[in-house]
Amino acid sequence: MLEGVHVETNLYGNCVQFIHTDLRTWFNTNVPETQDKSSGEIAKTLGIAEPKGNIHNPLFDVRSVLMGLRELVLCRHVKNPLLVDIK
């Protein structure tokens, strides 16, 4: 698991509960400049180094989102949207 990004998987019997988080709304709320941007443009919009590759390539886009998450959570101290309270 990458530093600063934490996801808990909840096991109930033989199935895994997946938790949905709306990252677009989270990014737009914390960095309004990300509105109308695609997932592959997040890193560039935040002014951090972009991953290597081409926009709209799934791996490039997810790396851009991860880099944005890390920037906001670790450097700008925004609450991590992937932390959930599991009861």
PDB file of N, CA and C in Angstrom:
ATOM      1  N   MET A   1       0.862  -1.172   0.000  1.00  0.00           N
ATOM      2  CA  MET A   1       0.000   0.000   0.000  1.00  0.00           C
ATOM      3  C   MET A   1       0.902   1.225   0.000  1.00  0.00           C
ATOM      4  N   LEU A   2       0.525   2.212  -0.753  1.00  0.00           N
ATOM      5  CA  LEU A   2       1.321   3.421  -0.845  1.00  0.00           C
ATOM      6  C   LEU A   2       1.150   4.288   0.397  1.00  0.00           C
ATOM      7  N   GLU A   3       2.186   4.993   0.754  1.00  0.00           N
ATOM      8  CA  GLU A   3       2.178   5.838   1.932  1.00  0.00           C
ATOM      9  C   GLU A   3       1.082   6.900   1.830  1.00  0.00           C
ATOM     10  N   GLY A   4       0.315   7.059   2.888  1.00  0.00           N
ATOM     11  CA  GLY A   4      -0.676   8.120   2.944  1.00  0.00           C
ATOM     12  C   GLY A   4      -2.040   7.763   2.408  1.00  0.00           C
ATOM     13  N   VAL A   5      -2.160   6.654   1.730  1.00  0.00           N
ATOM     14  CA  VAL A   5      -3.459   6.226   1.222  1.00  0.00           C
ATOM     15  C   VAL A   5      -3.808   4.925   1.911  1.00  0.00           C
ATOM     16  N   HIS A   6      -4.923   4.931   2.598  1.00  0.00           N
ATOM     17  CA  HIS A   6      -5.299   3.783   3.425  1.00  0.00           C
ATOM     18  C   HIS A   6      -6.722   3.375   3.088  1.00  0.00           C
ATOM     19  N   VAL A   7      -6.922   2.142   2.746  1.00  0.00           N
ATOM     20  CA  VAL A   7      -8.250   1.610   2.486  1.00  0.00           C
ATOM     21  C   VAL A   7      -8.412   0.363   3.325  1.00  0.00           C
ATOM     22  N   GLU A   8      -9.509   0.284   4.059  1.00  0.00           N
ATOM     23  CA  GLU A   8      -9.776  -0.908   4.847  1.00  0.00           C
ATOM     24  C   GLU A   8     -10.768  -1.772   4.102  1.00  0.00           C
ATOM     25  N   THR A   9     -10.492  -3.053   4.056  1.00  0.00           N
ATOM     26  CA  THR A   9     -11.418  -3.999   3.450  1.00  0.00           C
ATOM     27  C   THR A   9     -12.120  -4.721   4.584  1.00  0.00           C
ATOM     28  N   ASN A  10     -13.414  -4.749   4.515  1.00  0.00           N
ATOM     29  CA  ASN A  10     -14.221  -5.335   5.567  1.00  0.00           C
ATOM     30  C   ASN A  10     -14.688  -6.713   5.111  1.00  0.00           C
ATOM     31  N   LEU A  11     -14.333  -7.752   5.832  1.00  0.00           N
ATOM     32  CA  LEU A  11     -14.724  -9.109   5.456  1.00  0.00           C
ATOM     33  C   LEU A  11     -15.912  -9.576   6.280  1.00  0.00           C
ATOM     34  N   TYR A  12     -16.966  -9.964   5.599  1.00  0.00           N
ATOM     35  CA  TYR A  12     -18.150 -10.537   6.237  1.00  0.00           C
ATOM     36  C   TYR A  12     -18.380 -11.888   5.592  1.00  0.00           C
ATOM     37  N   GLY A  13     -18.018 -12.943   6.269  1.00  0.00           N
ATOM     38  CA  GLY A  13     -18.170 -14.262   5.688  1.00  0.00           C
ATOM     39  C   GLY A  13     -17.243 -14.432   4.500  1.00  0.00           C
ATOM     40  N   ASN A  14     -17.803 -14.766   3.347  1.00  0.00           N
ATOM     41  CA  ASN A  14     -17.005 -15.017   2.149  1.00  0.00           C
ATOM     42  C   ASN A  14     -16.991 -13.846   1.168  1.00  0.00           C
ATOM     43  N   CYS A  15     -17.540 -12.702   1.547  1.00  0.00           N
ATOM     44  CA  CYS A  15     -17.589 -11.593   0.589  1.00  0.00           C
ATOM     45  C   CYS A  15     -16.873 -10.364   1.145  1.00  0.00           C
ATOM     46  N   VAL A  16     -16.442  -9.523   0.273  1.00  0.00           N
ATOM     47  CA  VAL A  16     -15.728  -8.309   0.626  1.00  0.00           C
ATOM     48  C   VAL A  16     -16.666  -7.131   0.388  1.00  0.00           C
ATOM     49  N   GLN A  17     -16.764  -6.248   1.358  1.00  0.00           N
ATOM     50  CA  GLN A  17     -17.572  -5.055   1.205  1.00  0.00           C
ATOM     51  C   GLN A  17     -16.690  -3.958   0.605  1.00  0.00           C
ATOM     52  N   PHE A  18     -17.097  -3.442  -0.524  1.00  0.00           N
ATOM     53  CA  PHE A  18     -16.366  -2.348  -1.150  1.00  0.00           C
ATOM     54  C   PHE A  18     -17.056  -1.041  -0.805  1.00  0.00           C
ATOM     55  N   ILE A  19     -16.278  -0.041  -0.550  1.00  0.00           N
ATOM     56  CA  ILE A  19     -16.817   1.250  -0.148  1.00  0.00           C
ATOM     57  C   ILE A  19     -16.606   2.237  -1.287  1.00  0.00           C
ATOM     58  N   HIS A  20     -17.672   2.904  -1.674  1.00  0.00           N
ATOM     59  CA  HIS A  20     -17.622   3.869  -2.774  1.00  0.00           C
ATOM     60  C   HIS A  20     -17.332   5.253  -2.218  1.00  0.00           C
ATOM     61  N   THR A  21     -16.410   5.944  -2.822  1.00  0.00           N
ATOM     62  CA  THR A  21     -16.100   7.313  -2.454  1.00  0.00           C
ATOM     63  C   THR A  21     -16.108   8.152  -3.713  1.00  0.00           C
ATOM     64  N   ASP A  22     -16.830   9.244  -3.683  1.00  0.00           N
ATOM     65  CA  ASP A  22     -16.913  10.136  -4.836  1.00  0.00           C
ATOM     66  C   ASP A  22     -15.716  11.081  -4.811  1.00  0.00           C
ATOM     67  N   LEU A  23     -14.640  10.687  -5.471  1.00  0.00           N
ATOM     68  CA  LEU A  23     -13.424  11.491  -5.453  1.00  0.00           C
ATOM     69  C   LEU A  23     -13.565  12.766  -6.270  1.00  0.00           C
ATOM     70  N   ARG A  24     -14.387  12.755  -7.311  1.00  0.00           N
ATOM     71  CA  ARG A  24     -14.573  13.979  -8.111  1.00  0.00           C
ATOM     72  C   ARG A  24     -15.104  15.105  -7.227  1.00  0.00           C
ATOM     73  N   THR A  25     -16.143  14.811  -6.452  1.00  0.00           N
ATOM     74  CA  THR A  25     -16.709  15.829  -5.565  1.00  0.00           C
ATOM     75  C   THR A  25     -15.686  16.252  -4.519  1.00  0.00           C
ATOM     76  N   TRP A  26     -14.931  15.293  -3.988  1.00  0.00           N
ATOM     77  CA  TRP A  26     -13.911  15.597  -2.991  1.00  0.00           C
ATOM     78  C   TRP A  26     -12.844  16.523  -3.563  1.00  0.00           C
ATOM     79  N   PHE A  27     -12.342  16.202  -4.766  1.00  0.00           N
ATOM     80  CA  PHE A  27     -11.351  17.070  -5.402  1.00  0.00           C
ATOM     81  C   PHE A  27     -11.947  18.452  -5.686  1.00  0.00           C
ATOM     82  N   ASN A  28     -13.146  18.501  -6.248  1.00  0.00           N
ATOM     83  CA  ASN A  28     -13.774  19.775  -6.593  1.00  0.00           C
ATOM     84  C   ASN A  28     -14.014  20.646  -5.366  1.00  0.00           C
ATOM     85  N   THR A  29     -14.354  20.032  -4.241  1.00  0.00           N
ATOM     86  CA  THR A  29     -14.588  20.773  -3.003  1.00  0.00           C
ATOM     87  C   THR A  29     -13.288  21.343  -2.454  1.00  0.00           C
ATOM     88  N   ASN A  30     -12.233  20.545  -2.477  1.00  0.00           N
ATOM     89  CA  ASN A  30     -10.963  20.963  -1.879  1.00  0.00           C
ATOM     90  C   ASN A  30     -10.080  21.764  -2.826  1.00  0.00           C
ATOM     91  N   VAL A  31     -10.236  21.557  -4.113  1.00  0.00           N
ATOM     92  CA  VAL A  31      -9.458  22.298  -5.116  1.00  0.00           C
ATOM     93  C   VAL A  31     -10.415  22.637  -6.271  1.00  0.00           C
ATOM     94  N   PRO A  32     -11.128  23.759  -6.165  1.00  0.00           N
ATOM     95  CA  PRO A  32     -12.118  24.106  -7.188  1.00  0.00           C
ATOM     96  C   PRO A  32     -11.571  24.126  -8.617  1.00  0.00           C
ATOM     97  N   GLU A  33     -10.271  24.301  -8.776  1.00  0.00           N
ATOM     98  CA  GLU A  33      -9.668  24.316 -10.114  1.00  0.00           C
ATOM     99  C   GLU A  33      -9.794  22.968 -10.821  1.00  0.00           C
ATOM    100  N   THR A  34     -10.111  21.911 -10.073  1.00  0.00           N
ATOM    101  CA  THR A  34     -10.231  20.590 -10.694  1.00  0.00           C
ATOM    102  C   THR A  34     -11.592  20.377 -11.354  1.00  0.00           C
ATOM    103  N   GLN A  35     -12.521  21.307 -11.164  1.00  0.00           N
ATOM    104  CA  GLN A  35     -13.817  21.179 -11.835  1.00  0.00           C
ATOM    105  C   GLN A  35     -13.590  21.203 -13.335  1.00  0.00           C
ATOM    106  N   ASP A  36     -14.341  20.408 -14.047  1.00  0.00           N
ATOM    107  CA  ASP A  36     -14.240  20.280 -15.506  1.00  0.00           C
ATOM    108  C   ASP A  36     -12.916  19.677 -15.966  1.00  0.00           C
ATOM    109  N   LYS A  37     -12.191  19.037 -15.064  1.00  0.00           N
ATOM    110  CA  LYS A  37     -10.948  18.347 -15.418  1.00  0.00           C
ATOM    111  C   LYS A  37     -11.188  16.850 -15.363  1.00  0.00           C
ATOM    112  N   SER A  38     -10.497  16.130 -16.210  1.00  0.00           N
ATOM    113  CA  SER A  38     -10.601  14.669 -16.176  1.00  0.00           C
ATOM    114  C   SER A  38      -9.647  14.127 -15.116  1.00  0.00           C
ATOM    115  N   SER A  39      -9.792  12.857 -14.805  1.00  0.00           N
ATOM    116  CA  SER A  39      -8.947  12.249 -13.779  1.00  0.00           C
ATOM    117  C   SER A  39      -7.468  12.336 -14.136  1.00  0.00           C
ATOM    118  N   GLY A  40      -7.146  12.274 -15.419  1.00  0.00           N
ATOM    119  CA  GLY A  40      -5.757  12.348 -15.851  1.00  0.00           C
ATOM    120  C   GLY A  40      -5.147  13.732 -15.750  1.00  0.00           C
ATOM    121  N   GLU A  41      -5.964  14.737 -15.464  1.00  0.00           N
ATOM    122  CA  GLU A  41      -5.471  16.111 -15.357  1.00  0.00           C
ATOM    123  C   GLU A  41      -5.301  16.587 -13.916  1.00  0.00           C
ATOM    124  N   ILE A  42      -5.598  15.717 -12.956  1.00  0.00           N
ATOM    125  CA  ILE A  42      -5.546  16.106 -11.540  1.00  0.00           C
ATOM    126  C   ILE A  42      -4.137  16.536 -11.125  1.00  0.00           C
ATOM    127  N   ALA A  43      -3.140  15.716 -11.392  1.00  0.00           N
ATOM    128  CA  ALA A  43      -1.767  16.042 -10.973  1.00  0.00           C
ATOM    129  C   ALA A  43      -1.308  17.359 -11.578  1.00  0.00           C
ATOM    130  N   LYS A  44      -1.535  17.541 -12.857  1.00  0.00           N
ATOM    131  CA  LYS A  44      -1.128  18.779 -13.536  1.00  0.00           C
ATOM    132  C   LYS A  44      -1.838  19.990 -12.944  1.00  0.00           C
ATOM    133  N   THR A  45      -3.126  19.845 -12.675  1.00  0.00           N
ATOM    134  CA  THR A  45      -3.905  20.938 -12.110  1.00  0.00           C
ATOM    135  C   THR A  45      -3.400  21.338 -10.730  1.00  0.00           C
ATOM    136  N   LEU A  46      -2.935  20.364  -9.962  1.00  0.00           N
ATOM    137  CA  LEU A  46      -2.400  20.644  -8.627  1.00  0.00           C
ATOM    138  C   LEU A  46      -0.961  21.149  -8.668  1.00  0.00           C
ATOM    139  N   GLY A  47      -0.378  21.177  -9.852  1.00  0.00           N
ATOM    140  CA  GLY A  47       0.984  21.688  -9.987  1.00  0.00           C
ATOM    141  C   GLY A  47       2.056  20.728  -9.532  1.00  0.00           C
ATOM    142  N   ILE A  48       1.752  19.437  -9.542  1.00  0.00           N
ATOM    143  CA  ILE A  48       2.761  18.450  -9.163  1.00  0.00           C
ATOM    144  C   ILE A  48       3.187  17.684 -10.411  1.00  0.00           C
ATOM    145  N   ALA A  49       4.302  17.008 -10.333  1.00  0.00           N
ATOM    146  CA  ALA A  49       4.836  16.279 -11.486  1.00  0.00           C
ATOM    147  C   ALA A  49       3.805  15.285 -12.004  1.00  0.00           C
ATOM    148  N   GLU A  50       3.620  15.258 -13.283  1.00  0.00           N
ATOM    149  CA  GLU A  50       2.666  14.333 -13.889  1.00  0.00           C
ATOM    150  C   GLU A  50       3.296  12.954 -14.056  1.00  0.00           C
ATOM    151  N   PRO A  51       2.466  11.923 -13.999  1.00  0.00           N
ATOM    152  CA  PRO A  51       2.988  10.589 -14.293  1.00  0.00           C
ATOM    153  C   PRO A  51       3.357  10.500 -15.767  1.00  0.00           C
ATOM    154  N   LYS A  52       4.200   9.554 -16.106  1.00  0.00           N
ATOM    155  CA  LYS A  52       4.572   9.366 -17.507  1.00  0.00           C
ATOM    156  C   LYS A  52       3.462   8.628 -18.230  1.00  0.00           C
ATOM    157  N   GLY A  53       3.177   9.033 -19.436  1.00  0.00           N
ATOM    158  CA  GLY A  53       2.147   8.370 -20.218  1.00  0.00           C
ATOM    159  C   GLY A  53       1.219   9.361 -20.870  1.00  0.00           C
ATOM    160  N   ASN A  54       0.065   8.873 -21.269  1.00  0.00           N
ATOM    161  CA  ASN A  54      -0.904   9.688 -21.990  1.00  0.00           C
ATOM    162  C   ASN A  54      -2.220   9.769 -21.239  1.00  0.00           C
ATOM    163  N   ILE A  55      -2.809  10.948 -21.260  1.00  0.00           N
ATOM    164  CA  ILE A  55      -4.110  11.150 -20.624  1.00  0.00           C
ATOM    165  C   ILE A  55      -5.129  10.201 -21.244  1.00  0.00           C
ATOM    166  N   HIS A  56      -6.066   9.754 -20.452  1.00  0.00           N
ATOM    167  CA  HIS A  56      -7.121   8.799 -20.803  1.00  0.00           C
ATOM    168  C   HIS A  56      -6.625   7.358 -20.918  1.00  0.00           C
ATOM    169  N   ASN A  57      -5.346   7.140 -20.662  1.00  0.00           N
ATOM    170  CA  ASN A  57      -4.862   5.783 -20.485  1.00  0.00           C
ATOM    171  C   ASN A  57      -5.218   5.430 -19.043  1.00  0.00           C
ATOM    172  N   PRO A  58      -5.897   4.302 -18.805  1.00  0.00           N
ATOM    173  CA  PRO A  58      -6.363   4.005 -17.444  1.00  0.00           C
ATOM    174  C   PRO A  58      -5.266   4.063 -16.380  1.00  0.00           C
ATOM    175  N   LEU A  59      -4.096   3.540 -16.666  1.00  0.00           N
ATOM    176  CA  LEU A  59      -3.021   3.548 -15.677  1.00  0.00           C
ATOM    177  C   LEU A  59      -2.521   4.974 -15.430  1.00  0.00           C
ATOM    178  N   PHE A  60      -2.388   5.762 -16.479  1.00  0.00           N
ATOM    179  CA  PHE A  60      -1.974   7.161 -16.346  1.00  0.00           C
ATOM    180  C   PHE A  60      -2.985   7.921 -15.483  1.00  0.00           C
ATOM    181  N   ASP A  61      -4.272   7.747 -15.795  1.00  0.00           N
ATOM    182  CA  ASP A  61      -5.314   8.471 -15.077  1.00  0.00           C
ATOM    183  C   ASP A  61      -5.352   8.106 -13.597  1.00  0.00           C
ATOM    184  N   VAL A  62      -5.242   6.826 -13.276  1.00  0.00           N
ATOM    185  CA  VAL A  62      -5.295   6.430 -11.867  1.00  0.00           C
ATOM    186  C   VAL A  62      -4.051   6.913 -11.125  1.00  0.00           C
ATOM    187  N   ARG A  63      -2.931   6.959 -11.793  1.00  0.00           N
ATOM    188  CA  ARG A  63      -1.716   7.503 -11.153  1.00  0.00           C
ATOM    189  C   ARG A  63      -1.878   8.992 -10.877  1.00  0.00           C
ATOM    190  N   SER A  64      -2.499   9.712 -11.798  1.00  0.00           N
ATOM    191  CA  SER A  64      -2.746  11.136 -11.605  1.00  0.00           C
ATOM    192  C   SER A  64      -3.647  11.364 -10.393  1.00  0.00           C
ATOM    193  N   VAL A  65      -4.691  10.568 -10.261  1.00  0.00           N
ATOM    194  CA  VAL A  65      -5.600  10.675  -9.117  1.00  0.00           C
ATOM    195  C   VAL A  65      -4.857  10.343  -7.827  1.00  0.00           C
ATOM    196  N   LEU A  66      -4.060   9.276  -7.832  1.00  0.00           N
ATOM    197  CA  LEU A  66      -3.292   8.897  -6.643  1.00  0.00           C
ATOM    198  C   LEU A  66      -2.320  10.004  -6.242  1.00  0.00           C
ATOM    199  N   MET A  67      -1.651  10.586  -7.226  1.00  0.00           N
ATOM    200  CA  MET A  67      -0.720  11.680  -6.921  1.00  0.00           C
ATOM    201  C   MET A  67      -1.474  12.871  -6.326  1.00  0.00           C
ATOM    202  N   GLY A  68      -2.669  13.137  -6.827  1.00  0.00           N
ATOM    203  CA  GLY A  68      -3.487  14.207  -6.274  1.00  0.00           C
ATOM    204  C   GLY A  68      -3.928  13.920  -4.847  1.00  0.00           C
ATOM    205  N   LEU A  69      -4.337  12.680  -4.603  1.00  0.00           N
ATOM    206  CA  LEU A  69      -4.711  12.276  -3.244  1.00  0.00           C
ATOM    207  C   LEU A  69      -3.538  12.464  -2.287  1.00  0.00           C
ATOM    208  N   ARG A  70      -2.390  11.988  -2.689  1.00  0.00           N
ATOM    209  CA  ARG A  70      -1.205  12.105  -1.824  1.00  0.00           C
ATOM    210  C   ARG A  70      -0.856  13.558  -1.558  1.00  0.00           C
ATOM    211  N   GLU A  71      -0.916  14.397  -2.591  1.00  0.00           N
ATOM    212  CA  GLU A  71      -0.607  15.818  -2.424  1.00  0.00           C
ATOM    213  C   GLU A  71      -1.552  16.464  -1.414  1.00  0.00           C
ATOM    214  N   LEU A  72      -2.842  16.245  -1.581  1.00  0.00           N
ATOM    215  CA  LEU A  72      -3.809  16.886  -0.698  1.00  0.00           C
ATOM    216  C   LEU A  72      -3.763  16.329   0.718  1.00  0.00           C
ATOM    217  N   VAL A  73      -3.634  15.020   0.858  1.00  0.00           N
ATOM    218  CA  VAL A  73      -3.657  14.401   2.191  1.00  0.00           C
ATOM    219  C   VAL A  73      -2.338  14.607   2.937  1.00  0.00           C
ATOM    220  N   LEU A  74      -1.223  14.370   2.285  1.00  0.00           N
ATOM    221  CA  LEU A  74       0.069  14.426   2.977  1.00  0.00           C
ATOM    222  C   LEU A  74       0.661  15.831   3.055  1.00  0.00           C
ATOM    223  N   CYS A  75       0.505  16.624   2.006  1.00  0.00           N
ATOM    224  CA  CYS A  75       1.143  17.944   1.980  1.00  0.00           C
ATOM    225  C   CYS A  75       0.210  19.079   2.405  1.00  0.00           C
ATOM    226  N   ARG A  76      -1.038  18.979   1.982  1.00  0.00           N
ATOM    227  CA  ARG A  76      -1.986  20.056   2.291  1.00  0.00           C
ATOM    228  C   ARG A  76      -2.904  19.706   3.454  1.00  0.00           C
ATOM    229  N   HIS A  77      -2.737  18.516   4.008  1.00  0.00           N
ATOM    230  CA  HIS A  77      -3.424  18.063   5.219  1.00  0.00           C
ATOM    231  C   HIS A  77      -4.953  18.110   5.119  1.00  0.00           C
ATOM    232  N   VAL A  78      -5.465  17.727   3.946  1.00  0.00           N
ATOM    233  CA  VAL A  78      -6.906  17.585   3.754  1.00  0.00           C
ATOM    234  C   VAL A  78      -7.291  16.197   4.248  1.00  0.00           C
ATOM    235  N   LYS A  79      -8.448  16.078   4.871  1.00  0.00           N
ATOM    236  CA  LYS A  79      -8.885  14.791   5.412  1.00  0.00           C
ATOM    237  C   LYS A  79      -8.960  13.743   4.304  1.00  0.00           C
ATOM    238  N   ASN A  80      -8.383  12.590   4.564  1.00  0.00           N
ATOM    239  CA  ASN A  80      -8.349  11.494   3.608  1.00  0.00           C
ATOM    240  C   ASN A  80      -9.760  10.956   3.372  1.00  0.00           C
ATOM    241  N   PRO A  81     -10.266  11.010   2.129  1.00  0.00           N
ATOM    242  CA  PRO A  81     -11.626  10.544   1.864  1.00  0.00           C
ATOM    243  C   PRO A  81     -11.747   9.022   1.866  1.00  0.00           C
ATOM    244  N   LEU A  82     -10.631   8.314   1.885  1.00  0.00           N
ATOM    245  CA  LEU A  82     -10.656   6.860   1.850  1.00  0.00           C
ATOM    246  C   LEU A  82     -10.672   6.225   3.230  1.00  0.00           C
ATOM    247  N   LEU A  83     -10.513   7.036   4.265  1.00  0.00           N
ATOM    248  CA  LEU A  83     -10.614   6.508   5.629  1.00  0.00           C
ATOM    249  C   LEU A  83     -12.077   6.420   5.988  1.00  0.00           C
ATOM    250  N   VAL A  84     -12.497   5.269   6.415  1.00  0.00           N
ATOM    251  CA  VAL A  84     -13.897   5.082   6.765  1.00  0.00           C
ATOM    252  C   VAL A  84     -13.989   4.495   8.165  1.00  0.00           C
ATOM    253  N   ASP A  85     -15.084   4.791   8.820  1.00  0.00           N
ATOM    254  CA  ASP A  85     -15.365   4.185  10.128  1.00  0.00           C
ATOM    255  C   ASP A  85     -16.150   2.921   9.898  1.00  0.00           C
ATOM    256  N   ILE A  86     -15.551   1.791  10.188  1.00  0.00           N
ATOM    257  CA  ILE A  86     -16.227   0.507  10.006  1.00  0.00           C
ATOM    258  C   ILE A  86     -16.723   0.052  11.366  1.00  0.00           C
ATOM    259  N   LYS A  87     -17.987  -0.233  11.433  1.00  0.00           N
ATOM    260  CA  LYS A  87     -18.587  -0.621  12.721  1.00  0.00           C
ATOM    261  C   LYS A  87     -18.895  -2.087  12.743  1.00  0.00           C
TER     262      LYS A  87
END
